[in-house]
Amino acid sequence: MNEAAINNAYDATGIFLQNKEDRLKYINREMALMDYRSGLAGAEERGEVRGMDRLSQLISKLHEEGRDAEIFRVTSDTALRDRLFQEFRL
């Protein structure tokens, strides 16, 4: 960007910030976006934790039943993993 474009953007920002109603709308929108992104991040973390917990339960059950050969396959074969989740009601 050239200096004139930066100056124009700076001037537009100054004008925008002088209008209290527009400024409050902008701030509220930014806060809503931050809340939304934060909620998504938290949901992703909870999903990962539940998914890993569910997988570790499955691996434990397979080991208890002596089905160790399936333990290695279950980490890469999603169809097998889904079938075993249903089998063990996880």
PDB file of N, CA and C in Angstrom:
ATOM      1  N   MET A   1       0.843  -1.185   0.000  1.00  0.00           N
ATOM      2  CA  MET A   1       0.000   0.000   0.000  1.00  0.00           C
ATOM      3  C   MET A   1       0.880   1.237   0.000  1.00  0.00           C
ATOM      4  N   ASN A   2       0.390   2.252  -0.657  1.00  0.00           N
ATOM      5  CA  ASN A   2       1.154   3.499  -0.664  1.00  0.00           C
ATOM      6  C   ASN A   2       0.713   4.382   0.499  1.00  0.00           C
ATOM      7  N   GLU A   3       1.452   5.435   0.699  1.00  0.00           N
ATOM      8  CA  GLU A   3       1.193   6.320   1.842  1.00  0.00           C
ATOM      9  C   GLU A   3      -0.166   7.010   1.741  1.00  0.00           C
ATOM     10  N   ALA A   4      -0.590   7.354   0.536  1.00  0.00           N
ATOM     11  CA  ALA A   4      -1.882   8.023   0.356  1.00  0.00           C
ATOM     12  C   ALA A   4      -3.029   7.091   0.779  1.00  0.00           C
ATOM     13  N   ALA A   5      -2.933   5.813   0.428  1.00  0.00           N
ATOM     14  CA  ALA A   5      -3.973   4.853   0.799  1.00  0.00           C
ATOM     15  C   ALA A   5      -4.028   4.677   2.307  1.00  0.00           C
ATOM     16  N   ILE A   6      -2.881   4.642   2.934  1.00  0.00           N
ATOM     17  CA  ILE A   6      -2.830   4.513   4.404  1.00  0.00           C
ATOM     18  C   ILE A   6      -3.443   5.750   5.053  1.00  0.00           C
ATOM     19  N   ASN A   7      -3.114   6.923   4.545  1.00  0.00           N
ATOM     20  CA  ASN A   7      -3.686   8.162   5.088  1.00  0.00           C
ATOM     21  C   ASN A   7      -5.204   8.190   4.917  1.00  0.00           C
ATOM     22  N   ASN A   8      -5.685   7.750   3.753  1.00  0.00           N
ATOM     23  CA  ASN A   8      -7.134   7.712   3.518  1.00  0.00           C
ATOM     24  C   ASN A   8      -7.817   6.756   4.487  1.00  0.00           C
ATOM     25  N   ALA A   9      -7.209   5.602   4.703  1.00  0.00           N
ATOM     26  CA  ALA A   9      -7.786   4.623   5.639  1.00  0.00           C
ATOM     27  C   ALA A   9      -7.788   5.193   7.055  1.00  0.00           C
ATOM     28  N   TYR A  10      -6.713   5.860   7.415  1.00  0.00           N
ATOM     29  CA  TYR A  10      -6.629   6.466   8.749  1.00  0.00           C
ATOM     30  C   TYR A  10      -7.693   7.536   8.920  1.00  0.00           C
ATOM     31  N   ASP A  11      -7.877   8.375   7.909  1.00  0.00           N
ATOM     32  CA  ASP A  11      -8.901   9.428   7.969  1.00  0.00           C
ATOM     33  C   ASP A  11     -10.302   8.813   8.075  1.00  0.00           C
ATOM     34  N   ALA A  12     -10.567   7.764   7.307  1.00  0.00           N
ATOM     35  CA  ALA A  12     -11.876   7.109   7.342  1.00  0.00           C
ATOM     36  C   ALA A  12     -12.133   6.502   8.720  1.00  0.00           C
ATOM     37  N   THR A  13     -11.097   5.945   9.319  1.00  0.00           N
ATOM     38  CA  THR A  13     -11.232   5.379  10.662  1.00  0.00           C
ATOM     39  C   THR A  13     -11.578   6.466  11.666  1.00  0.00           C
ATOM     40  N   GLY A  14     -10.933   7.610  11.545  1.00  0.00           N
ATOM     41  CA  GLY A  14     -11.210   8.722  12.447  1.00  0.00           C
ATOM     42  C   GLY A  14     -12.640   9.200  12.327  1.00  0.00           C
ATOM     43  N   ILE A  15     -13.130   9.293  11.110  1.00  0.00           N
ATOM     44  CA  ILE A  15     -14.519   9.716  10.884  1.00  0.00           C
ATOM     45  C   ILE A  15     -15.478   8.671  11.446  1.00  0.00           C
ATOM     46  N   PHE A  16     -15.180   7.401  11.180  1.00  0.00           N
ATOM     47  CA  PHE A  16     -16.030   6.307  11.662  1.00  0.00           C
ATOM     48  C   PHE A  16     -16.109   6.302  13.185  1.00  0.00           C
ATOM     49  N   LEU A  17     -14.970   6.499  13.829  1.00  0.00           N
ATOM     50  CA  LEU A  17     -14.939   6.434  15.288  1.00  0.00           C
ATOM     51  C   LEU A  17     -15.626   7.634  15.941  1.00  0.00           C
ATOM     52  N   GLN A  18     -15.852   8.714  15.206  1.00  0.00           N
ATOM     53  CA  GLN A  18     -16.530   9.872  15.765  1.00  0.00           C
ATOM     54  C   GLN A  18     -18.028   9.641  15.902  1.00  0.00           C
ATOM     55  N   ASN A  19     -18.580   8.724  15.115  1.00  0.00           N
ATOM     56  CA  ASN A  19     -20.009   8.423  15.174  1.00  0.00           C
ATOM     57  C   ASN A  19     -20.229   7.363  16.251  1.00  0.00           C
ATOM     58  N   LYS A  20     -20.809   7.799  17.374  1.00  0.00           N
ATOM     59  CA  LYS A  20     -20.947   6.919  18.530  1.00  0.00           C
ATOM     60  C   LYS A  20     -21.780   5.675  18.210  1.00  0.00           C
ATOM     61  N   GLU A  21     -22.881   5.834  17.482  1.00  0.00           N
ATOM     62  CA  GLU A  21     -23.756   4.707  17.167  1.00  0.00           C
ATOM     63  C   GLU A  21     -23.034   3.661  16.320  1.00  0.00           C
ATOM     64  N   ASP A  22     -22.325   4.104  15.284  1.00  0.00           N
ATOM     65  CA  ASP A  22     -21.573   3.178  14.426  1.00  0.00           C
ATOM     66  C   ASP A  22     -20.453   2.494  15.208  1.00  0.00           C
ATOM     67  N   ARG A  23     -19.789   3.263  16.069  1.00  0.00           N
ATOM     68  CA  ARG A  23     -18.707   2.702  16.878  1.00  0.00           C
ATOM     69  C   ARG A  23     -19.228   1.608  17.800  1.00  0.00           C
ATOM     70  N   LEU A  24     -20.372   1.844  18.450  1.00  0.00           N
ATOM     71  CA  LEU A  24     -20.952   0.843  19.345  1.00  0.00           C
ATOM     72  C   LEU A  24     -21.396  -0.403  18.585  1.00  0.00           C
ATOM     73  N   LYS A  25     -21.968  -0.210  17.388  1.00  0.00           N
ATOM     74  CA  LYS A  25     -22.348  -1.359  16.562  1.00  0.00           C
ATOM     75  C   LYS A  25     -21.116  -2.190  16.208  1.00  0.00           C
ATOM     76  N   TYR A  26     -20.039  -1.491  15.841  1.00  0.00           N
ATOM     77  CA  TYR A  26     -18.806  -2.175  15.477  1.00  0.00           C
ATOM     78  C   TYR A  26     -18.247  -2.951  16.672  1.00  0.00           C
ATOM     79  N   ILE A  27     -18.188  -2.312  17.811  1.00  0.00           N
ATOM     80  CA  ILE A  27     -17.653  -2.964  19.014  1.00  0.00           C
ATOM     81  C   ILE A  27     -18.509  -4.174  19.389  1.00  0.00           C
ATOM     82  N   ASN A  28     -19.823  -4.023  19.351  1.00  0.00           N
ATOM     83  CA  ASN A  28     -20.707  -5.148  19.676  1.00  0.00           C
ATOM     84  C   ASN A  28     -20.528  -6.302  18.706  1.00  0.00           C
ATOM     85  N   ARG A  29     -20.375  -5.976  17.430  1.00  0.00           N
ATOM     86  CA  ARG A  29     -20.166  -7.033  16.433  1.00  0.00           C
ATOM     87  C   ARG A  29     -18.844  -7.753  16.675  1.00  0.00           C
ATOM     88  N   GLU A  30     -17.795  -7.010  16.945  1.00  0.00           N
ATOM     89  CA  GLU A  30     -16.489  -7.619  17.216  1.00  0.00           C
ATOM     90  C   GLU A  30     -16.549  -8.504  18.465  1.00  0.00           C
ATOM     91  N   MET A  31     -17.252  -8.057  19.495  1.00  0.00           N
ATOM     92  CA  MET A  31     -17.387  -8.849  20.717  1.00  0.00           C
ATOM     93  C   MET A  31     -18.171 -10.136  20.441  1.00  0.00           C
ATOM     94  N   ALA A  32     -19.224 -10.030  19.634  1.00  0.00           N
ATOM     95  CA  ALA A  32     -20.005 -11.211  19.280  1.00  0.00           C
ATOM     96  C   ALA A  32     -19.159 -12.204  18.499  1.00  0.00           C
ATOM     97  N   LEU A  33     -18.341 -11.699  17.579  1.00  0.00           N
ATOM     98  CA  LEU A  33     -17.455 -12.590  16.817  1.00  0.00           C
ATOM     99  C   LEU A  33     -16.430 -13.270  17.726  1.00  0.00           C
ATOM    100  N   MET A  34     -15.880 -12.527  18.678  1.00  0.00           N
ATOM    101  CA  MET A  34     -14.921 -13.121  19.615  1.00  0.00           C
ATOM    102  C   MET A  34     -15.589 -14.198  20.459  1.00  0.00           C
ATOM    103  N   ASP A  35     -16.813 -13.925  20.936  1.00  0.00           N
ATOM    104  CA  ASP A  35     -17.548 -14.920  21.717  1.00  0.00           C
ATOM    105  C   ASP A  35     -17.822 -16.168  20.890  1.00  0.00           C
ATOM    106  N   TYR A  36     -18.217 -15.972  19.646  1.00  0.00           N
ATOM    107  CA  TYR A  36     -18.510 -17.094  18.750  1.00  0.00           C
ATOM    108  C   TYR A  36     -17.264 -17.941  18.521  1.00  0.00           C
ATOM    109  N   ARG A  37     -16.149 -17.280  18.224  1.00  0.00           N
ATOM    110  CA  ARG A  37     -14.894 -18.008  17.983  1.00  0.00           C
ATOM    111  C   ARG A  37     -14.436 -18.735  19.238  1.00  0.00           C
ATOM    112  N   SER A  38     -14.596 -18.109  20.374  1.00  0.00           N
ATOM    113  CA  SER A  38     -14.218 -18.731  21.642  1.00  0.00           C
ATOM    114  C   SER A  38     -15.081 -19.962  21.908  1.00  0.00           C
ATOM    115  N   GLY A  39     -16.368 -19.840  21.642  1.00  0.00           N
ATOM    116  CA  GLY A  39     -17.266 -20.978  21.819  1.00  0.00           C
ATOM    117  C   GLY A  39     -16.909 -22.129  20.906  1.00  0.00           C
ATOM    118  N   LEU A  40     -16.547 -21.828  19.670  1.00  0.00           N
ATOM    119  CA  LEU A  40     -16.137 -22.879  18.734  1.00  0.00           C
ATOM    120  C   LEU A  40     -14.876 -23.572  19.212  1.00  0.00           C
ATOM    121  N   ALA A  41     -13.920 -22.783  19.668  1.00  0.00           N
ATOM    122  CA  ALA A  41     -12.660 -23.366  20.142  1.00  0.00           C
ATOM    123  C   ALA A  41     -12.921 -24.291  21.332  1.00  0.00           C
ATOM    124  N   GLY A  42     -13.762 -23.852  22.249  1.00  0.00           N
ATOM    125  CA  GLY A  42     -14.089 -24.692  23.403  1.00  0.00           C
ATOM    126  C   GLY A  42     -14.808 -25.965  23.001  1.00  0.00           C
ATOM    127  N   ALA A  43     -15.709 -25.850  22.043  1.00  0.00           N
ATOM    128  CA  ALA A  43     -16.446 -27.026  21.563  1.00  0.00           C
ATOM    129  C   ALA A  43     -15.500 -28.012  20.900  1.00  0.00           C
ATOM    130  N   GLU A  44     -14.551 -27.492  20.121  1.00  0.00           N
ATOM    131  CA  GLU A  44     -13.580 -28.369  19.474  1.00  0.00           C
ATOM    132  C   GLU A  44     -12.745 -29.103  20.516  1.00  0.00           C
ATOM    133  N   GLU A  45     -12.298 -28.389  21.529  1.00  0.00           N
ATOM    134  CA  GLU A  45     -11.488 -29.017  22.577  1.00  0.00           C
ATOM    135  C   GLU A  45     -12.284 -30.097  23.296  1.00  0.00           C
ATOM    136  N   ARG A  46     -13.531 -29.801  23.638  1.00  0.00           N
ATOM    137  CA  ARG A  46     -14.353 -30.801  24.331  1.00  0.00           C
ATOM    138  C   ARG A  46     -14.590 -32.017  23.446  1.00  0.00           C
ATOM    139  N   GLY A  47     -14.792 -31.778  22.164  1.00  0.00           N
ATOM    140  CA  GLY A  47     -14.991 -32.882  21.231  1.00  0.00           C
ATOM    141  C   GLY A  47     -13.768 -33.758  21.117  1.00  0.00           C
ATOM    142  N   GLU A  48     -12.595 -33.148  21.092  1.00  0.00           N
ATOM    143  CA  GLU A  48     -11.363 -33.916  21.012  1.00  0.00           C
ATOM    144  C   GLU A  48     -11.161 -34.734  22.271  1.00  0.00           C
ATOM    145  N   VAL A  49     -11.452 -34.149  23.415  1.00  0.00           N
ATOM    146  CA  VAL A  49     -11.283 -34.862  24.678  1.00  0.00           C
ATOM    147  C   VAL A  49     -12.239 -36.049  24.738  1.00  0.00           C
ATOM    148  N   ARG A  50     -13.510 -35.825  24.380  1.00  0.00           N
ATOM    149  CA  ARG A  50     -14.487 -36.915  24.403  1.00  0.00           C
ATOM    150  C   ARG A  50     -14.106 -38.000  23.412  1.00  0.00           C
ATOM    151  N   GLY A  51     -13.641 -37.593  22.229  1.00  0.00           N
ATOM    152  CA  GLY A  51     -13.252 -38.559  21.212  1.00  0.00           C
ATOM    153  C   GLY A  51     -12.082 -39.411  21.666  1.00  0.00           C
ATOM    154  N   MET A  52     -11.093 -38.788  22.279  1.00  0.00           N
ATOM    155  CA  MET A  52      -9.940 -39.534  22.770  1.00  0.00           C
ATOM    156  C   MET A  52     -10.339 -40.431  23.926  1.00  0.00           C
ATOM    157  N   ASP A  53     -11.213 -39.952  24.805  1.00  0.00           N
ATOM    158  CA  ASP A  53     -11.674 -40.761  25.931  1.00  0.00           C
ATOM    159  C   ASP A  53     -12.438 -41.986  25.423  1.00  0.00           C
ATOM    160  N   ARG A  54     -13.270 -41.771  24.439  1.00  0.00           N
ATOM    161  CA  ARG A  54     -14.048 -42.853  23.849  1.00  0.00           C
ATOM    162  C   ARG A  54     -13.129 -43.882  23.196  1.00  0.00           C
ATOM    163  N   LEU A  55     -12.119 -43.417  22.497  1.00  0.00           N
ATOM    164  CA  LEU A  55     -11.169 -44.313  21.852  1.00  0.00           C
ATOM    165  C   LEU A  55     -10.368 -45.090  22.887  1.00  0.00           C
ATOM    166  N   SER A  56      -9.952 -44.432  23.957  1.00  0.00           N
ATOM    167  CA  SER A  56      -9.191 -45.145  24.989  1.00  0.00           C
ATOM    168  C   SER A  56     -10.061 -46.194  25.686  1.00  0.00           C
ATOM    169  N   GLN A  57     -11.354 -45.904  25.867  1.00  0.00           N
ATOM    170  CA  GLN A  57     -12.265 -46.909  26.427  1.00  0.00           C
ATOM    171  C   GLN A  57     -12.375 -48.109  25.496  1.00  0.00           C
ATOM    172  N   LEU A  58     -12.470 -47.845  24.202  1.00  0.00           N
ATOM    173  CA  LEU A  58     -12.565 -48.920  23.221  1.00  0.00           C
ATOM    174  C   LEU A  58     -11.309 -49.779  23.242  1.00  0.00           C
ATOM    175  N   ILE A  59     -10.163 -49.136  23.270  1.00  0.00           N
ATOM    176  CA  ILE A  59      -8.903 -49.879  23.298  1.00  0.00           C
ATOM    177  C   ILE A  59      -8.813 -50.738  24.554  1.00  0.00           C
ATOM    178  N   SER A  60      -9.225 -50.202  25.700  1.00  0.00           N
ATOM    179  CA  SER A  60      -9.219 -50.979  26.942  1.00  0.00           C
ATOM    180  C   SER A  60     -10.125 -52.196  26.845  1.00  0.00           C
ATOM    181  N   LYS A  61     -11.302 -52.018  26.296  1.00  0.00           N
ATOM    182  CA  LYS A  61     -12.242 -53.140  26.164  1.00  0.00           C
ATOM    183  C   LYS A  61     -11.704 -54.202  25.208  1.00  0.00           C
ATOM    184  N   LEU A  62     -11.105 -53.762  24.108  1.00  0.00           N
ATOM    185  CA  LEU A  62     -10.521 -54.728  23.172  1.00  0.00           C
ATOM    186  C   LEU A  62      -9.406 -55.512  23.851  1.00  0.00           C
ATOM    187  N   HIS A  63      -8.573 -54.829  24.617  1.00  0.00           N
ATOM    188  CA  HIS A  63      -7.482 -55.504  25.333  1.00  0.00           C
ATOM    189  C   HIS A  63      -8.023 -56.501  26.363  1.00  0.00           C
ATOM    190  N   GLU A  64      -9.061 -56.086  27.099  1.00  0.00           N
ATOM    191  CA  GLU A  64      -9.668 -56.981  28.096  1.00  0.00           C
ATOM    192  C   GLU A  64     -10.183 -58.265  27.461  1.00  0.00           C
ATOM    193  N   GLU A  65     -10.675 -58.154  26.231  1.00  0.00           N
ATOM    194  CA  GLU A  65     -11.222 -59.314  25.545  1.00  0.00           C
ATOM    195  C   GLU A  65     -10.171 -60.062  24.727  1.00  0.00           C
ATOM    196  N   GLY A  66      -8.920 -59.632  24.835  1.00  0.00           N
ATOM    197  CA  GLY A  66      -7.848 -60.310  24.111  1.00  0.00           C
ATOM    198  C   GLY A  66      -7.868 -60.048  22.606  1.00  0.00           C
ATOM    199  N   ARG A  67      -8.453 -58.964  22.202  1.00  0.00           N
ATOM    200  CA  ARG A  67      -8.558 -58.635  20.777  1.00  0.00           C
ATOM    201  C   ARG A  67      -7.509 -57.589  20.402  1.00  0.00           C
ATOM    202  N   ASP A  68      -6.279 -57.857  20.822  1.00  0.00           N
ATOM    203  CA  ASP A  68      -5.193 -56.900  20.640  1.00  0.00           C
ATOM    204  C   ASP A  68      -4.892 -56.599  19.171  1.00  0.00           C
ATOM    205  N   ALA A  69      -5.110 -57.551  18.277  1.00  0.00           N
ATOM    206  CA  ALA A  69      -4.846 -57.322  16.856  1.00  0.00           C
ATOM    207  C   ALA A  69      -5.721 -56.196  16.318  1.00  0.00           C
ATOM    208  N   GLU A  70      -6.907 -56.035  16.869  1.00  0.00           N
ATOM    209  CA  GLU A  70      -7.817 -54.987  16.400  1.00  0.00           C
ATOM    210  C   GLU A  70      -7.433 -53.606  16.928  1.00  0.00           C
ATOM    211  N   ILE A  71      -6.663 -53.572  17.988  1.00  0.00           N
ATOM    212  CA  ILE A  71      -6.283 -52.294  18.585  1.00  0.00           C
ATOM    213  C   ILE A  71      -5.509 -51.444  17.578  1.00  0.00           C
ATOM    214  N   PHE A  72      -4.578 -52.057  16.882  1.00  0.00           N
ATOM    215  CA  PHE A  72      -3.780 -51.298  15.927  1.00  0.00           C
ATOM    216  C   PHE A  72      -4.611 -50.855  14.733  1.00  0.00           C
ATOM    217  N   ARG A  73      -5.527 -51.687  14.292  1.00  0.00           N
ATOM    218  CA  ARG A  73      -6.361 -51.356  13.139  1.00  0.00           C
ATOM    219  C   ARG A  73      -7.377 -50.267  13.468  1.00  0.00           C
ATOM    220  N   VAL A  74      -7.857 -50.250  14.697  1.00  0.00           N
ATOM    221  CA  VAL A  74      -8.926 -49.324  15.070  1.00  0.00           C
ATOM    222  C   VAL A  74      -8.479 -47.863  15.003  1.00  0.00           C
ATOM    223  N   THR A  75      -7.194 -47.609  15.115  1.00  0.00           N
ATOM    224  CA  THR A  75      -6.718 -46.222  15.067  1.00  0.00           C
ATOM    225  C   THR A  75      -6.733 -45.646  13.663  1.00  0.00           C
ATOM    226  N   SER A  76      -6.702 -46.489  12.643  1.00  0.00           N
ATOM    227  CA  SER A  76      -6.676 -45.969  11.275  1.00  0.00           C
ATOM    228  C   SER A  76      -7.905 -46.338  10.448  1.00  0.00           C
ATOM    229  N   ASP A  77      -8.652 -47.341  10.873  1.00  0.00           N
ATOM    230  CA  ASP A  77      -9.810 -47.817  10.111  1.00  0.00           C
ATOM    231  C   ASP A  77     -11.091 -47.274  10.762  1.00  0.00           C
ATOM    232  N   THR A  78     -11.628 -46.193  10.192  1.00  0.00           N
ATOM    233  CA  THR A  78     -12.795 -45.547  10.809  1.00  0.00           C
ATOM    234  C   THR A  78     -14.039 -46.425  10.760  1.00  0.00           C
ATOM    235  N   ALA A  79     -14.188 -47.211   9.714  1.00  0.00           N
ATOM    236  CA  ALA A  79     -15.362 -48.088   9.630  1.00  0.00           C
ATOM    237  C   ALA A  79     -15.315 -49.134  10.741  1.00  0.00           C
ATOM    238  N   LEU A  80     -14.158 -49.711  10.966  1.00  0.00           N
ATOM    239  CA  LEU A  80     -13.996 -50.691  12.051  1.00  0.00           C
ATOM    240  C   LEU A  80     -14.236 -50.019  13.396  1.00  0.00           C
ATOM    241  N   ARG A  81     -13.656 -48.837  13.566  1.00  0.00           N
ATOM    242  CA  ARG A  81     -13.821 -48.111  14.835  1.00  0.00           C
ATOM    243  C   ARG A  81     -15.290 -47.829  15.112  1.00  0.00           C
ATOM    244  N   ASP A  82     -16.037 -47.362  14.109  1.00  0.00           N
ATOM    245  CA  ASP A  82     -17.458 -47.082  14.290  1.00  0.00           C
ATOM    246  C   ASP A  82     -18.238 -48.349  14.633  1.00  0.00           C
ATOM    247  N   ARG A  83     -17.901 -49.451  13.956  1.00  0.00           N
ATOM    248  CA  ARG A  83     -18.579 -50.723  14.226  1.00  0.00           C
ATOM    249  C   ARG A  83     -18.308 -51.190  15.658  1.00  0.00           C
ATOM    250  N   LEU A  84     -17.065 -51.025  16.108  1.00  0.00           N
ATOM    251  CA  LEU A  84     -16.719 -51.441  17.472  1.00  0.00           C
ATOM    252  C   LEU A  84     -17.324 -50.504  18.519  1.00  0.00           C
ATOM    253  N   PHE A  85     -17.430 -49.217  18.204  1.00  0.00           N
ATOM    254  CA  PHE A  85     -18.117 -48.307  19.132  1.00  0.00           C
ATOM    255  C   PHE A  85     -19.549 -48.784  19.344  1.00  0.00           C
ATOM    256  N   GLN A  86     -20.194 -49.199  18.282  1.00  0.00           N
ATOM    257  CA  GLN A  86     -21.578 -49.709  18.406  1.00  0.00           C
ATOM    258  C   GLN A  86     -21.593 -51.030  19.168  1.00  0.00           C
ATOM    259  N   GLU A  87     -20.654 -51.902  18.853  1.00  0.00           N
ATOM    260  CA  GLU A  87     -20.602 -53.207  19.524  1.00  0.00           C
ATOM    261  C   GLU A  87     -20.454 -53.039  21.037  1.00  0.00           C
ATOM    262  N   PHE A  88     -19.591 -52.141  21.452  1.00  0.00           N
ATOM    263  CA  PHE A  88     -19.342 -51.936  22.877  1.00  0.00           C
ATOM    264  C   PHE A  88     -20.214 -50.829  23.477  1.00  0.00           C
ATOM    265  N   ARG A  89     -21.120 -50.305  22.680  1.00  0.00           N
ATOM    266  CA  ARG A  89     -22.045 -49.247  23.126  1.00  0.00           C
ATOM    267  C   ARG A  89     -21.315 -48.044  23.713  1.00  0.00           C
ATOM    268  N   LEU A  90     -20.333 -47.574  22.968  1.00  0.00           N
ATOM    269  CA  LEU A  90     -19.542 -46.415  23.420  1.00  0.00           C
ATOM    270  C   LEU A  90     -19.929 -45.180  22.627  1.00  0.00           C
TER     271      LEU A  90
END
